[in-house]
Protein backbone atom coordinates (compact mmCIF):
# COMPACT_ATOMS: atom_id res chain seq x y z
CA UNK A 1 91.02 22.24 37.06
CA UNK A 2 94.32 23.27 38.10
CA UNK A 3 97.50 21.94 40.72
CA UNK A 4 99.81 22.98 42.74
CA UNK A 5 102.54 21.42 45.25
CA UNK A 6 103.06 22.33 48.74
CA UNK A 7 106.26 22.17 48.99
CA UNK A 8 106.32 22.01 52.71
CA UNK A 9 104.93 18.75 52.67
CA UNK A 10 107.00 17.80 49.41
CA UNK A 11 109.50 15.06 50.19
CA UNK A 12 111.44 15.37 47.16
CA UNK A 13 109.98 11.73 45.91
CA UNK A 14 109.99 12.70 42.53
CA UNK A 15 106.89 10.29 41.36
CA UNK A 16 104.76 13.18 40.36
CA UNK A 17 107.14 14.19 37.72
CA UNK A 18 107.37 10.09 36.39
CA UNK A 19 103.50 9.96 36.64
CA UNK A 20 102.99 12.87 34.66
CA UNK A 21 105.82 15.30 33.67
CA UNK A 22 104.30 17.55 31.21
CA UNK A 23 102.96 18.70 35.16
CA UNK A 24 105.19 17.98 37.38
CA UNK A 25 109.36 18.57 37.55
CA UNK A 26 112.17 18.87 40.30
CA UNK A 27 114.31 22.04 40.85
CA UNK A 28 117.81 22.01 41.79
CA UNK A 29 116.55 22.16 45.56
CA UNK A 30 114.76 18.59 45.49
CA UNK A 31 111.24 19.83 45.47
CA UNK A 32 108.89 19.54 42.57
CA UNK A 33 106.84 22.47 41.27
CA UNK A 34 103.86 22.48 38.73
CA UNK A 35 104.26 23.78 35.45
CA UNK A 36 101.92 25.53 32.49
CA UNK A 37 104.23 24.97 29.08
CA UNK A 38 103.97 26.25 25.89
CA UNK A 39 103.05 22.47 24.83
CA UNK A 40 100.50 22.09 26.60
CA UNK A 41 98.70 25.52 26.12
CA UNK A 42 100.29 27.51 23.30
CA UNK A 43 102.60 29.74 26.15
CA UNK A 44 104.82 29.20 29.19
CA UNK A 45 103.70 30.46 32.35
CA UNK A 46 105.35 33.25 33.66
CA UNK A 47 105.30 35.03 37.17
CA UNK A 48 107.56 37.84 38.17
CA UNK A 49 110.42 36.21 36.64
CA UNK A 50 110.24 32.91 38.05
CA UNK A 51 108.38 30.90 35.93
CA UNK A 52 107.42 28.18 38.63
CA UNK A 53 106.79 29.40 42.03
CA UNK A 54 106.37 27.55 44.89
CA UNK A 55 103.19 27.02 46.87
CA UNK A 56 99.28 28.17 45.62
CA UNK A 57 101.29 31.05 43.75
CA UNK A 58 102.63 28.26 41.13
CA UNK A 59 98.82 26.96 40.35
CA UNK A 60 98.72 25.88 36.96
CA UNK A 61 96.34 24.54 35.05
CA UNK A 62 96.03 20.88 34.67
CA UNK A 63 95.68 20.29 30.51
CA UNK A 64 92.96 17.37 29.97
CA UNK A 65 95.18 15.01 28.16
CA UNK A 66 96.82 14.47 31.58
CA UNK A 67 94.00 15.07 33.97
CA UNK A 68 94.04 11.25 34.53
CA UNK A 69 97.35 11.30 35.50
CA UNK A 70 97.54 14.76 37.36
CA UNK A 71 95.40 12.58 39.63
CA UNK A 72 97.02 9.93 39.82
CA UNK A 73 100.75 11.56 41.26
CA UNK A 74 98.25 12.91 43.39
CA UNK A 75 96.95 9.98 45.07
CA UNK A 76 100.83 7.70 44.66
CA UNK A 77 102.51 11.11 46.14
CA UNK A 78 103.92 10.13 49.38
CA UNK A 79 103.94 13.55 51.03
CA UNK A 80 100.20 13.81 49.89
CA UNK A 81 101.17 17.62 49.15
CA UNK A 82 99.74 17.85 46.11
CA UNK A 83 96.51 19.73 45.52
CA UNK A 84 94.03 19.90 43.28
CA UNK A 85 91.12 22.36 42.47
CA UNK A 86 88.43 23.40 40.54
């Protein structure tokens, strides 16, 4: 499964990072993004110089051990901006 955030809907609340900080993180712009880290997959996923782009271009795999937390983050998100895909 994979996850991405629509930054146009993101409220910057940060609940996603509180719930699943190995998948979600905030940037200096006050919005939240998804990540694939070496801790989860053995290497960092990079995209054309930006490790974590916005929107569907930032689609990242969900580590199996954090799947429940990612689903909870999507359900709790006040901006309803977290999208999970098969």
